[in-house]
Amino acid sequence: MGSKTCPNDHTLGPNVEGCRGSFDFTLMFERIFLAIVPGSVFVALCLARFAYLYRAPRVVDGVVFQFTKIVRLSPHRKEAV
């Protein structure tokens, strides 16, 4: 199936009129409400969680234990060749 652009894909929509059987979201609607908004909410929630954890008391005391915990929980990465 070939990729066909519709004349009103650049509008906010939410549905396409006269193209794809009028049964699809416009591209702009998909980009904003199905990608940008959830991503923004996720980033905001992460920042709030980081702020909460920064103020929380430390569970592990001591530099050696902190270093061990960071090394153990960090993902192992391979260098791209």
Protein backbone atom coordinates (compact mmCIF):
# COMPACT_ATOMS: atom_id res chain seq x y z
CA MET A 1 0.00 0.00 0.00
CA GLY A 2 1.52 3.29 -1.06
CA SER A 3 1.89 6.29 1.16
CA LYS A 4 -0.68 8.92 0.21
CA THR A 5 -0.79 12.35 1.79
CA CYS A 6 -4.14 13.93 2.40
CA PRO A 7 -4.80 17.63 1.82
CA ASN A 8 -5.82 18.30 5.43
CA ASP A 9 -3.13 16.25 7.23
CA HIS A 10 -1.54 19.52 8.39
CA THR A 11 -4.69 20.56 10.32
CA LEU A 12 -5.28 19.71 13.96
CA GLY A 13 -8.14 17.38 13.11
CA PRO A 14 -8.70 15.00 14.90
CA ASN A 15 -10.09 13.09 11.93
CA VAL A 16 -9.25 13.27 8.25
CA GLU A 17 -12.06 14.45 5.99
CA GLY A 18 -12.36 12.91 2.55
CA CYS A 19 -9.24 10.79 2.74
CA ARG A 20 -8.60 7.26 4.03
CA GLY A 21 -12.35 6.81 4.37
CA SER A 22 -12.47 9.62 6.98
CA PHE A 23 -11.43 7.00 9.53
CA ASP A 24 -7.98 8.15 10.61
CA PHE A 25 -6.32 10.85 12.67
CA THR A 26 -4.51 13.68 10.94
CA LEU A 27 -0.74 13.58 11.15
CA MET A 28 -0.57 16.76 13.24
CA PHE A 29 -3.10 15.34 15.74
CA GLU A 30 -1.08 12.12 16.02
CA ARG A 31 2.18 13.98 16.59
CA ILE A 32 0.77 16.31 19.23
CA PHE A 33 -1.60 14.13 21.24
CA LEU A 34 -0.06 10.69 20.78
CA ALA A 35 3.63 11.64 21.05
CA ILE A 36 4.39 15.11 22.43
CA VAL A 37 1.79 15.24 25.23
CA PRO A 38 2.56 11.80 26.72
CA GLY A 39 6.29 12.51 26.47
CA SER A 40 5.89 15.84 28.23
CA VAL A 41 3.81 14.28 31.00
CA PHE A 42 6.45 11.57 31.46
CA VAL A 43 9.26 14.13 31.75
CA ALA A 44 7.24 16.20 34.26
CA LEU A 45 6.52 13.13 36.39
CA CYS A 46 10.20 12.12 36.27
CA LEU A 47 11.29 15.56 37.44
CA ALA A 48 8.80 15.44 40.30
CA ARG A 49 10.03 11.98 41.31
CA PHE A 50 13.68 13.09 41.17
CA ALA A 51 12.86 16.08 43.38
CA TYR A 52 11.12 13.77 45.87
CA LEU A 53 14.00 11.29 45.91
CA TYR A 54 16.56 14.07 46.29
CA ARG A 55 14.88 15.22 49.51
CA ALA A 56 14.33 11.68 50.85
CA PRO A 57 16.76 10.30 53.43
CA ARG A 58 19.53 8.08 52.11
CA VAL A 59 19.02 4.37 52.50
CA VAL A 60 22.66 3.41 52.04
CA ASP A 61 25.30 5.17 54.12
CA GLY A 62 28.98 5.16 53.34
CA VAL A 63 30.90 5.87 50.18
CA VAL A 64 31.86 2.23 49.55
CA PHE A 65 28.27 1.01 49.74
CA GLN A 66 27.03 3.85 47.53
CA PHE A 67 29.68 3.14 44.92
CA THR A 68 28.89 -0.60 45.02
CA LYS A 69 25.19 0.08 44.59
CA ILE A 70 25.77 2.42 41.62
CA VAL A 71 28.09 -0.06 39.90
CA ARG A 72 25.74 -2.99 40.53
CA LEU A 73 22.61 -1.20 39.27
CA SER A 74 24.16 0.54 36.29
CA PRO A 75 23.60 -1.09 32.90
CA HIS A 76 26.57 -2.59 31.17
CA ARG A 77 27.13 -0.94 27.81
CA LYS A 78 29.08 -2.18 24.85
CA GLU A 79 30.99 0.29 22.77
CA ALA A 80 29.72 0.58 19.21
CA VAL A 81 32.29 -0.55 16.70
